[in-house]
Amino acid sequence: MEKKSAIKIKKLVKNFGKNDSLVKVIDNASFEINKGELVALIAPSGAGKTTLLMMIGCVLEPTSGEIWLGEEVVYNNKWIAKDTRRIRREKIGFIFQAHYLIPFLNVIENITLLPQVNKVSEKEAKQKAMELLEYLEIADKAHAMPSQLSGGQNQRVAIARALANNPEIILADEPTAALDAHRSISVIKMLKKIAIEQNVAIITVTHDERILPYFDKIMKIQNRGIVFEELDENQIL
């Protein structure tokens, strides 16, 4: 099957400040990620991992360069997409280190909130949410409150919420940082399954070397640019 591009970045630059206080964070970064790929993004703290993720997610404006999401150019030295909120709603799912579930809503209400904001009917949104919970093997918790779930269960609900708008891309910022080794591997295996079966491109920021063998590619920020590190074939699971 021919691979289809989900994310294409060309000569991306992000600077903060001006003149004597200018700080270059990302400089001339170029790369491409296809649908169905699970990619790890690694770099030392402060090297720009979250900055890069937020630019791809159309949250933070680059200084210059190009961003393509699927076949749509959303940024070319300025925002081409008139409504970046629409891009985020329609194309992108976000997962964070903290699950950020709304504590006074139950599991299914947390998952259906965004689709209903996007004018999906309550019935359709709930049906999709239950399908996701079944898929993530947590359907029995549909009416539980976040406070009644374990850390790993809450993260699965957060994954379901990220999938609720049928995204082409998932951006995950250290989604396993608060989990133990067993639960971390469980979550990454789930993300790999989602990437393949849902044909979604997933970029995951991580510091956890134990989970790297589960990724298709390892992307590093090096000298403010992007390089890909070869996976050790003996470690690939």
Protein backbone atom coordinates (compact mmCIF):
# COMPACT_ATOMS: atom_id res chain seq x y z
CA MET A 1 0.00 0.00 0.00
CA GLU A 2 1.27 3.46 -0.89
CA LYS A 3 2.13 5.53 2.16
CA LYS A 4 0.30 8.84 2.45
CA SER A 5 1.89 11.86 4.06
CA ALA A 6 0.22 13.14 7.22
CA ILE A 7 2.77 15.80 8.24
CA LYS A 8 5.29 17.57 6.05
CA ILE A 9 7.60 20.20 7.52
CA LYS A 10 9.91 22.32 5.38
CA LYS A 11 12.65 24.64 6.69
CA LEU A 12 10.72 25.38 9.87
CA VAL A 13 12.15 28.09 12.14
CA LYS A 14 11.04 29.26 15.57
CA ASN A 15 12.77 32.14 17.34
CA PHE A 16 11.85 33.88 20.57
CA GLY A 17 12.81 37.46 21.36
CA LYS A 18 14.63 39.99 19.17
CA ASN A 19 18.09 41.49 18.67
CA ASP A 20 20.34 40.81 21.68
CA SER A 21 17.67 38.69 23.35
CA LEU A 22 17.03 36.52 20.26
CA VAL A 23 16.86 32.80 21.04
CA LYS A 24 16.73 30.27 18.21
CA VAL A 25 14.82 27.15 19.27
CA ILE A 26 14.06 25.38 15.96
CA ASP A 27 16.17 26.23 12.92
CA ASN A 28 15.66 24.94 9.37
CA ALA A 29 13.89 21.72 10.44
CA SER A 30 12.51 19.53 7.65
CA PHE A 31 10.87 16.10 7.87
CA GLU A 32 7.87 14.05 6.80
CA ILE A 33 5.69 11.57 8.70
CA ASN A 34 3.22 9.24 7.05
CA LYS A 35 -0.17 8.03 8.16
CA GLY A 36 0.05 4.85 10.22
CA GLU A 37 3.40 5.73 11.79
CA LEU A 38 4.18 6.00 15.51
CA VAL A 39 7.14 8.36 15.94
CA ALA A 40 9.07 9.18 19.12
CA LEU A 41 10.36 12.74 19.53
CA ILE A 42 13.31 12.91 21.89
CA ALA A 43 15.69 15.68 22.95
CA PRO A 44 17.10 17.17 26.17
CA SER A 45 14.82 19.34 28.29
CA GLY A 46 14.49 22.82 26.84
CA ALA A 47 15.50 21.75 23.32
CA GLY A 48 12.13 22.63 21.79
CA LYS A 49 10.10 19.39 21.77
CA THR A 50 6.88 20.94 23.01
CA THR A 51 7.48 24.03 20.86
CA LEU A 52 7.71 21.82 17.77
CA LEU A 53 4.58 19.91 18.75
CA MET A 54 2.62 23.12 19.29
CA MET A 55 3.65 24.46 15.89
CA ILE A 56 2.55 21.25 14.16
CA GLY A 57 -0.68 21.47 16.15
CA CYS A 58 -1.33 25.03 14.90
CA VAL A 59 -1.23 26.38 18.46
CA LEU A 60 2.07 28.29 18.22
CA GLU A 61 2.99 30.38 15.17
CA PRO A 62 6.39 29.60 13.60
CA THR A 63 8.84 32.31 12.61
CA SER A 64 9.11 30.94 9.06
CA GLY A 65 8.91 27.75 7.00
CA GLU A 66 6.10 25.49 5.82
CA ILE A 67 3.68 23.12 7.53
CA TRP A 68 1.56 20.69 5.53
CA LEU A 69 -1.10 18.57 7.28
CA GLY A 70 -2.23 15.93 4.83
CA GLU A 71 -2.67 17.66 1.48
CA GLU A 72 -3.40 21.04 3.07
CA VAL A 73 -0.70 23.67 3.51
CA VAL A 74 -1.61 25.41 6.77
CA TYR A 75 1.47 27.61 7.14
CA ASN A 76 3.82 29.13 4.56
CA ASN A 77 5.73 31.96 6.23
CA LYS A 78 2.30 33.00 7.52
CA TRP A 79 -0.90 31.17 8.41
CA ILE A 80 -2.54 30.01 5.19
CA ALA A 81 -5.36 28.35 7.09
CA LYS A 82 -7.75 31.14 8.03
CA ASP A 83 -9.14 29.26 11.02
CA THR A 84 -6.50 27.30 12.93
CA ARG A 85 -9.14 26.23 15.45
CA ARG A 86 -10.90 24.37 12.65
CA ILE A 87 -7.66 22.58 11.80
CA ARG A 88 -7.24 21.48 15.42
CA ARG A 89 -10.85 20.34 15.69
CA GLU A 90 -10.89 18.43 12.40
CA LYS A 91 -7.38 17.05 11.94
CA ILE A 92 -5.59 16.81 15.29
CA GLY A 93 -5.98 15.00 18.59
CA PHE A 94 -3.90 16.03 21.62
CA ILE A 95 -2.76 13.83 24.51
CA PHE A 96 -0.77 15.29 27.41
CA GLN A 97 1.25 14.07 30.37
CA ALA A 98 -1.67 14.92 32.67
CA HIS A 99 -4.95 13.58 31.34
CA TYR A 100 -6.82 16.90 31.91
CA LEU A 101 -10.18 15.16 32.12
CA ILE A 102 -12.92 17.42 33.47
CA PRO A 103 -13.40 16.13 37.02
CA PHE A 104 -17.14 16.80 37.30
CA LEU A 105 -17.97 14.98 34.03
CA ASN A 106 -18.01 11.22 33.77
CA VAL A 107 -15.94 9.29 31.21
CA ILE A 108 -18.43 9.32 28.35
CA GLU A 109 -19.26 13.00 28.93
CA ASN A 110 -15.56 13.89 28.74
CA ILE A 111 -15.24 12.08 25.40
CA THR A 112 -18.40 13.50 23.82
CA LEU A 113 -17.79 17.13 24.80
CA LEU A 114 -15.66 18.14 21.79
CA PRO A 115 -17.77 16.34 19.14
CA GLN A 116 -20.87 18.05 20.50
CA VAL A 117 -19.09 21.42 20.36
CA ASN A 118 -18.43 20.51 16.71
CA LYS A 119 -22.22 20.07 16.31
CA VAL A 120 -22.25 16.26 16.26
CA SER A 121 -25.52 15.04 17.73
CA GLU A 122 -25.48 13.73 21.30
CA LYS A 123 -26.64 10.31 20.12
CA GLU A 124 -23.92 10.02 17.46
CA ALA A 125 -21.24 11.34 19.82
CA LYS A 126 -22.19 8.81 22.52
CA GLN A 127 -22.22 5.95 20.01
CA LYS A 128 -18.72 6.90 18.82
CA ALA A 129 -17.51 7.27 22.42
CA MET A 130 -18.74 3.79 23.34
CA GLU A 131 -17.05 2.34 20.26
CA LEU A 132 -13.78 3.96 21.35
CA LEU A 133 -14.13 2.74 24.92
CA GLU A 134 -14.76 -0.79 23.63
CA TYR A 135 -11.75 -0.47 21.36
CA LEU A 136 -9.60 0.68 24.29
CA GLU A 137 -11.00 -2.07 26.52
CA ILE A 138 -12.45 0.28 29.11
CA ALA A 139 -16.16 0.33 28.20
CA ASP A 140 -17.15 -0.81 31.70
CA LYS A 141 -15.93 2.58 33.00
CA ALA A 142 -18.16 4.68 30.71
CA HIS A 143 -20.14 6.20 33.58
CA ALA A 144 -17.32 6.38 36.14
CA MET A 145 -15.85 9.70 37.26
CA PRO A 146 -12.15 10.39 36.60
CA SER A 147 -11.43 10.25 40.34
CA GLN A 148 -12.62 6.62 40.35
CA LEU A 149 -10.06 5.52 37.72
CA SER A 150 -6.40 4.56 37.89
CA GLY A 151 -3.74 6.64 36.15
CA GLY A 152 -3.57 4.19 33.26
CA GLN A 153 -7.35 4.13 32.87
CA ASN A 154 -7.54 7.93 32.85
CA GLN A 155 -4.88 8.02 30.14
CA ARG A 156 -6.92 5.58 28.04
CA VAL A 157 -9.92 7.89 28.41
CA ALA A 158 -7.70 10.78 27.30
CA ILE A 159 -6.72 8.73 24.23
CA ALA A 160 -10.39 8.05 23.49
CA ARG A 161 -11.10 11.79 23.77
CA ALA A 162 -8.24 12.52 21.32
CA LEU A 163 -9.76 10.04 18.84
CA ALA A 164 -13.32 11.33 19.18
CA ASN A 165 -13.00 13.78 16.25
CA ASN A 166 -11.48 11.15 13.90
CA PRO A 167 -8.11 12.94 13.64
CA GLU A 168 -5.48 12.29 11.00
CA ILE A 169 -2.75 13.23 13.50
CA ILE A 170 -2.26 12.69 17.23
CA LEU A 171 0.29 14.77 19.12
CA ALA A 172 1.20 13.29 22.50
CA ASP A 173 3.37 15.24 24.95
CA GLU A 174 4.93 12.73 27.38
CA PRO A 175 1.71 10.71 27.80
CA THR A 176 3.45 8.02 29.91
CA ALA A 177 5.52 10.24 32.21
CA ALA A 178 3.19 9.76 35.18
CA LEU A 179 2.85 5.99 34.68
CA ASP A 180 4.92 3.04 35.85
CA ALA A 181 6.81 0.85 33.36
CA HIS A 182 4.00 -1.69 32.88
CA ARG A 183 1.33 0.96 32.26
CA SER A 184 3.68 3.00 30.05
CA ILE A 185 4.26 0.03 27.74
CA SER A 186 0.52 -0.70 27.73
CA VAL A 187 -0.27 2.86 26.60
CA ILE A 188 2.42 2.86 23.88
CA LYS A 189 1.21 -0.51 22.57
CA MET A 190 -2.27 1.01 22.41
CA LEU A 191 -0.97 4.01 20.48
CA LYS A 192 0.83 1.71 18.04
CA LYS A 193 -2.38 -0.26 17.50
CA ILE A 194 -4.25 3.01 16.87
CA ALA A 195 -1.62 4.25 14.40
CA ILE A 196 -1.90 1.07 12.34
CA GLU A 197 -5.61 0.29 12.58
CA GLN A 198 -6.93 3.86 12.43
CA ASN A 199 -4.26 4.97 9.91
CA VAL A 200 -3.26 7.88 12.14
CA ALA A 201 0.17 9.55 12.36
CA ILE A 202 1.25 9.84 16.00
CA ILE A 203 4.16 11.89 17.35
CA THR A 204 4.99 11.16 20.98
CA VAL A 205 7.40 13.22 23.06
CA THR A 206 9.16 10.94 25.53
CA HIS A 207 12.17 10.68 27.82
CA ASP A 208 11.51 7.00 28.56
CA GLU A 209 14.07 4.84 26.77
CA ARG A 210 12.23 1.66 27.82
CA ILE A 211 9.41 2.34 25.35
CA LEU A 212 11.53 3.36 22.33
CA PRO A 213 11.59 -0.17 20.79
CA TYR A 214 7.82 0.09 20.25
CA PHE A 215 8.13 3.07 17.88
CA ASP A 216 8.43 2.98 14.09
CA LYS A 217 10.82 5.94 14.00
CA ILE A 218 12.87 7.94 16.48
CA MET A 219 13.10 11.65 15.69
CA LYS A 220 15.62 13.83 17.53
CA ILE A 221 16.09 17.57 17.83
CA GLN A 222 19.80 18.07 17.24
CA ASN A 223 21.50 21.41 16.68
CA ARG A 224 17.99 22.92 16.49
CA GLY A 225 17.18 20.73 13.47
CA ILE A 226 15.62 17.29 13.04
CA VAL A 227 17.49 14.02 12.54
CA PHE A 228 16.18 10.47 12.54
CA GLU A 229 17.90 7.81 14.60
CA GLU A 230 18.11 4.26 13.29
CA LEU A 231 16.21 1.71 15.34
CA ASP A 232 18.25 -1.24 16.57
CA GLU A 233 16.75 -4.23 14.74
CA ASN A 234 17.57 -6.45 17.69
CA GLN A 235 15.38 -4.31 19.92
CA ILE A 236 12.35 -3.89 17.66
CA LEU A 237 9.35 -5.64 19.21
